Protein backbone atom coordinates (compact mmCIF):
# COMPACT_ATOMS: atom_id res chain seq x y z
CA UNK A 1 27.71 246.04 118.92
CA UNK A 2 27.21 248.89 116.46
CA UNK A 3 27.61 246.53 113.50
CA UNK A 4 24.15 245.12 114.30
CA UNK A 5 22.40 248.39 113.49
CA UNK A 6 21.75 250.27 110.27
CA UNK A 7 24.67 252.52 109.31
CA UNK A 8 25.81 254.63 106.38
CA UNK A 9 28.98 252.56 106.12
CA UNK A 10 30.71 249.68 107.87
CA UNK A 11 34.38 249.04 108.44
CA UNK A 12 36.04 245.84 107.26
CA UNK A 13 35.97 244.52 110.83
CA UNK A 14 32.25 245.28 111.18
CA UNK A 15 31.48 243.46 107.91
CA UNK A 16 33.50 240.50 109.17
CA UNK A 17 31.60 240.52 112.48
CA UNK A 18 28.28 240.57 110.61
CA UNK A 19 29.38 237.62 108.52
CA UNK A 20 30.56 235.70 111.59
CA UNK A 21 27.35 236.40 113.50
CA UNK A 22 25.19 235.45 110.51
CA UNK A 23 27.11 232.21 110.03
CA UNK A 24 26.92 231.20 113.69
CA UNK A 25 23.24 232.15 113.90
CA UNK A 26 22.36 230.08 110.81
CA UNK A 27 24.31 227.13 112.24
CA UNK A 28 22.22 227.40 115.40
CA UNK A 29 18.97 227.61 113.42
CA UNK A 30 20.00 224.66 111.22
CA UNK A 31 20.73 222.61 114.34
CA UNK A 32 17.34 223.58 115.75
CA UNK A 33 15.47 222.66 112.57
CA UNK A 34 17.29 219.37 112.01
CA UNK A 35 19.21 218.06 109.02
CA UNK A 36 17.80 216.82 105.73
CA UNK A 37 19.30 216.35 102.30
CA UNK A 38 17.78 218.30 99.42
CA UNK A 39 15.99 215.19 98.13
CA UNK A 40 14.37 214.71 101.55
CA UNK A 41 12.97 218.23 101.90
CA UNK A 42 9.27 218.39 102.66
CA UNK A 43 7.10 221.29 101.51
CA UNK A 44 7.57 223.15 104.80
CA UNK A 45 11.35 222.49 104.77
CA UNK A 46 11.69 223.94 101.28
CA UNK A 47 9.69 227.07 102.11
CA UNK A 48 11.60 227.70 105.35
CA UNK A 49 14.96 227.24 103.58
CA UNK A 50 14.06 229.85 100.97
CA UNK A 51 12.71 232.31 103.54
CA UNK A 52 15.66 232.01 105.93
CA UNK A 53 18.22 232.39 103.16
CA UNK A 54 16.48 235.50 101.87
CA UNK A 55 16.05 237.10 105.32
CA UNK A 56 19.64 236.69 106.47
CA UNK A 57 21.29 237.50 103.12
CA UNK A 58 20.19 241.15 102.87
CA UNK A 59 21.77 242.56 106.06
CA UNK A 60 24.98 240.68 105.23
CA UNK A 61 25.32 242.65 101.99
CA UNK A 62 23.65 245.99 102.78
CA UNK A 63 25.11 248.19 105.53
CA UNK A 64 21.92 250.26 105.69
CA UNK A 65 19.98 247.26 106.99
CA UNK A 66 20.41 246.28 110.64
CA UNK A 67 20.74 242.64 111.70
CA UNK A 68 18.39 242.80 114.67
CA UNK A 69 15.28 242.63 112.51
CA UNK A 70 16.68 239.72 110.49
CA UNK A 71 17.57 237.79 113.65
CA UNK A 72 14.11 238.35 115.17
CA UNK A 73 12.32 237.40 111.93
CA UNK A 74 14.47 234.30 111.47
CA UNK A 75 13.80 233.23 115.06
CA UNK A 76 10.03 233.63 114.55
CA UNK A 77 10.14 231.57 111.33
CA UNK A 78 12.18 228.86 113.09
CA UNK A 79 9.71 228.70 116.00
CA UNK A 80 6.77 228.48 113.56
CA UNK A 81 8.57 225.68 111.73
CA UNK A 82 9.08 223.71 114.94
CA UNK A 83 5.42 224.23 115.88
CA UNK A 84 4.21 223.07 112.45
CA UNK A 85 6.49 220.02 112.63
CA UNK A 86 5.12 219.05 116.04
CA UNK A 87 1.58 219.68 114.79
CA UNK A 88 2.17 217.40 111.79
CA UNK A 89 3.19 214.65 114.22
CA UNK A 90 0.25 215.08 116.59
CA UNK A 91 -2.60 216.28 114.33
CA UNK A 92 -3.71 214.20 111.33
CA UNK A 93 -4.88 217.07 109.05
CA UNK A 94 -1.50 218.78 109.44
CA UNK A 95 0.28 215.51 108.75
CA UNK A 96 -1.69 214.90 105.57
CA UNK A 97 -0.98 218.46 104.39
CA UNK A 98 2.78 218.47 105.03
CA UNK A 99 3.42 214.76 104.35
CA UNK A 100 0.84 213.45 101.87
CA UNK A 101 0.40 209.74 101.26
CA UNK A 102 2.52 208.04 98.56
CA UNK A 103 1.07 208.00 95.05
CA UNK A 104 0.77 204.67 93.21
CA UNK A 105 2.49 204.81 89.81
CA UNK A 106 2.59 201.12 88.91
CA UNK A 107 0.42 198.22 90.10
CA UNK A 108 1.08 194.68 88.87
CA UNK A 109 3.15 195.86 85.93
CA UNK A 110 0.60 198.46 84.75
CA UNK A 111 1.46 202.17 84.68
CA UNK A 112 -1.26 204.34 86.23
CA UNK A 113 -1.76 207.53 84.23
CA UNK A 114 -3.77 209.09 87.06
CA UNK A 115 -0.83 208.49 89.39
CA UNK A 116 1.58 210.16 86.97
CA UNK A 117 -0.73 213.17 86.74
CA UNK A 118 -1.04 213.41 90.53
CA UNK A 119 2.74 213.16 91.01
CA UNK A 120 3.25 215.56 88.05
CA UNK A 121 5.90 213.44 86.39
CA UNK A 122 6.23 212.05 82.88
CA UNK A 123 6.59 208.45 81.77
CA UNK A 124 10.20 209.25 80.86
CA UNK A 125 10.91 210.39 84.42
CA UNK A 126 9.29 207.23 85.78
CA UNK A 127 11.38 205.01 83.51
CA UNK A 128 14.53 206.90 84.49
CA UNK A 129 13.82 206.35 88.19
CA UNK A 130 13.09 202.67 87.56
CA UNK A 131 16.45 202.28 85.82
CA UNK A 132 18.13 203.76 88.90
CA UNK A 133 16.46 200.95 90.85
CA UNK A 134 17.85 198.43 88.30
CA UNK A 135 14.39 197.70 86.88
CA UNK A 136 14.53 196.72 83.20
CA UNK A 137 11.06 195.16 82.85
CA UNK A 138 7.98 196.93 84.23
CA UNK A 139 6.09 193.62 84.21
CA UNK A 140 8.27 192.47 87.10
CA UNK A 141 7.08 195.34 89.31
CA UNK A 142 4.28 194.60 91.78
CA UNK A 143 4.07 198.20 92.97
CA UNK A 144 5.90 201.50 92.49
CA UNK A 145 5.11 204.46 94.74
CA UNK A 146 5.98 208.14 94.39
CA UNK A 147 7.08 209.18 97.88
CA UNK A 148 6.51 212.66 99.36
CA UNK A 149 10.28 213.27 99.29
CA UNK A 150 10.35 212.90 95.49
CA UNK A 151 11.77 209.38 95.29
CA UNK A 152 10.23 206.19 93.91
CA UNK A 153 9.91 203.02 95.99
CA UNK A 154 9.83 199.84 93.91
CA UNK A 155 8.52 196.45 95.04
CA UNK A 156 8.99 193.39 92.85
CA UNK A 157 6.50 190.57 92.46
CA UNK A 158 7.03 187.97 95.18
CA UNK A 159 8.13 185.20 92.79
CA UNK A 160 10.83 187.51 91.41
CA UNK A 161 12.30 188.63 94.72
CA UNK A 162 15.90 187.42 95.27
CA UNK A 163 16.41 184.58 97.73
CA UNK A 164 17.54 185.43 101.24
CA UNK A 165 19.29 183.17 103.78
CA UNK A 166 15.97 182.99 105.65
CA UNK A 167 14.21 181.58 102.56
CA UNK A 168 16.56 178.59 102.44
CA UNK A 169 16.82 178.21 106.22
CA UNK A 170 20.47 179.24 106.21
CA UNK A 171 21.69 180.50 109.55
CA UNK A 172 24.23 183.30 109.27
CA UNK A 173 26.38 184.81 111.95
CA UNK A 174 25.16 188.21 113.13
CA UNK A 175 26.92 191.16 111.52
CA UNK A 176 29.64 192.69 113.66
CA UNK A 177 30.86 196.23 113.17
CA UNK A 178 34.61 196.64 112.86
CA UNK A 179 35.82 199.18 115.42
CA UNK A 180 39.01 201.23 115.34
CA UNK A 181 41.12 200.20 118.32
CA UNK A 182 44.43 201.83 117.27
CA UNK A 183 44.85 204.97 115.19
CA UNK A 184 48.25 206.45 114.38
CA UNK A 185 49.90 204.56 117.21
CA UNK A 186 47.32 205.59 119.82
CA UNK A 187 45.08 203.03 121.56
CA UNK A 188 41.38 203.77 121.89
CA UNK A 189 40.94 202.52 125.44
CA UNK A 190 37.13 202.82 125.33
CA UNK A 191 37.04 200.24 122.51
CA UNK A 192 39.61 198.11 124.34
CA UNK A 193 37.40 198.07 127.44
CA UNK A 194 34.42 196.96 125.35
CA UNK A 195 36.36 193.88 124.26
CA UNK A 196 37.11 192.98 127.87
CA UNK A 197 40.83 192.81 127.10
CA UNK A 198 43.79 194.74 128.49
CA UNK A 199 46.68 196.66 126.96
CA UNK A 200 49.12 193.77 127.32
CA UNK A 201 46.79 191.47 125.39
CA UNK A 202 46.55 194.04 122.59
CA UNK A 203 50.31 194.56 122.39
CA UNK A 204 50.91 190.81 122.25
CA UNK A 205 48.22 190.42 119.56
CA UNK A 206 49.74 193.18 117.43
CA UNK A 207 53.26 191.80 117.75
CA UNK A 208 52.12 188.25 117.01
CA UNK A 209 50.27 189.29 113.86
CA UNK A 210 52.42 192.12 112.49
CA UNK A 211 55.74 191.74 114.30
CA UNK A 212 55.54 195.42 115.24
CA UNK A 213 55.02 197.65 118.25
CA UNK A 214 51.82 199.65 118.66
CA UNK A 215 53.69 202.89 117.87
CA UNK A 216 54.28 201.59 114.32
CA UNK A 217 50.60 200.85 113.68
CA UNK A 218 48.79 203.36 111.49
CA UNK A 219 45.36 201.74 111.86
CA UNK A 220 44.03 198.62 113.57
CA UNK A 221 40.42 197.48 113.73
CA UNK A 222 38.91 194.72 115.82
CA UNK A 223 35.94 192.61 114.80
CA UNK A 224 34.12 189.45 115.75
CA UNK A 225 36.01 186.84 117.77
CA UNK A 226 38.75 189.41 118.50
CA UNK A 227 39.95 189.32 114.89
CA UNK A 228 42.32 192.27 114.32
CA UNK A 229 43.17 193.88 110.97
CA UNK A 230 46.37 195.94 110.96
CA UNK A 231 47.80 198.63 108.67
CA UNK A 232 51.36 199.64 109.51
CA UNK A 233 52.82 203.10 109.02
CA UNK A 234 54.70 203.43 105.75
């Protein structure tokens, strides 16, 4: 375990072991902290990401720096992050600090200059975000909010909202997720059991629909009312 400590020089194998340990350790820390995309990073997430990257990078590139200190420091930062996250859930002042309330940018078609100043964005940025939400006329917007994650939520005026099946009393069948029941000639028996069918039923269904054996099926999915979609191997 000498590669963990400060040394005048490291062999190729020791450098590789440092890289492997650093990678596995960061994977563990990332799993502990949870996953977010860059656009979803909160203030504390952003700070922790910068700190962890800086701490672990130095001993991976400088043989005179041991890894023990970096591992201990990273662990402390990760524990503090978890504590602050739990505190933001349980304690209101922490929640307001780490996850502030949304900022109103538009109300009833009127842009709020105070909201733009609070969110620190320009009118051009606001218009760009509105275009991404397919908004061409600000007068149609009942409310637009700048979210803590840096995105804009847009709500149209009620008389401009698109109709839904509920609005016209149209009853639709519930959505049913297509599940893969055969992949590359192999049956997924857990999915088959969920359907309440057996292997013979599946083989007969495949042959009836595709005139092929299961071994020749590249992909088959099953949906509502036992409807099967089949893609044969080329």
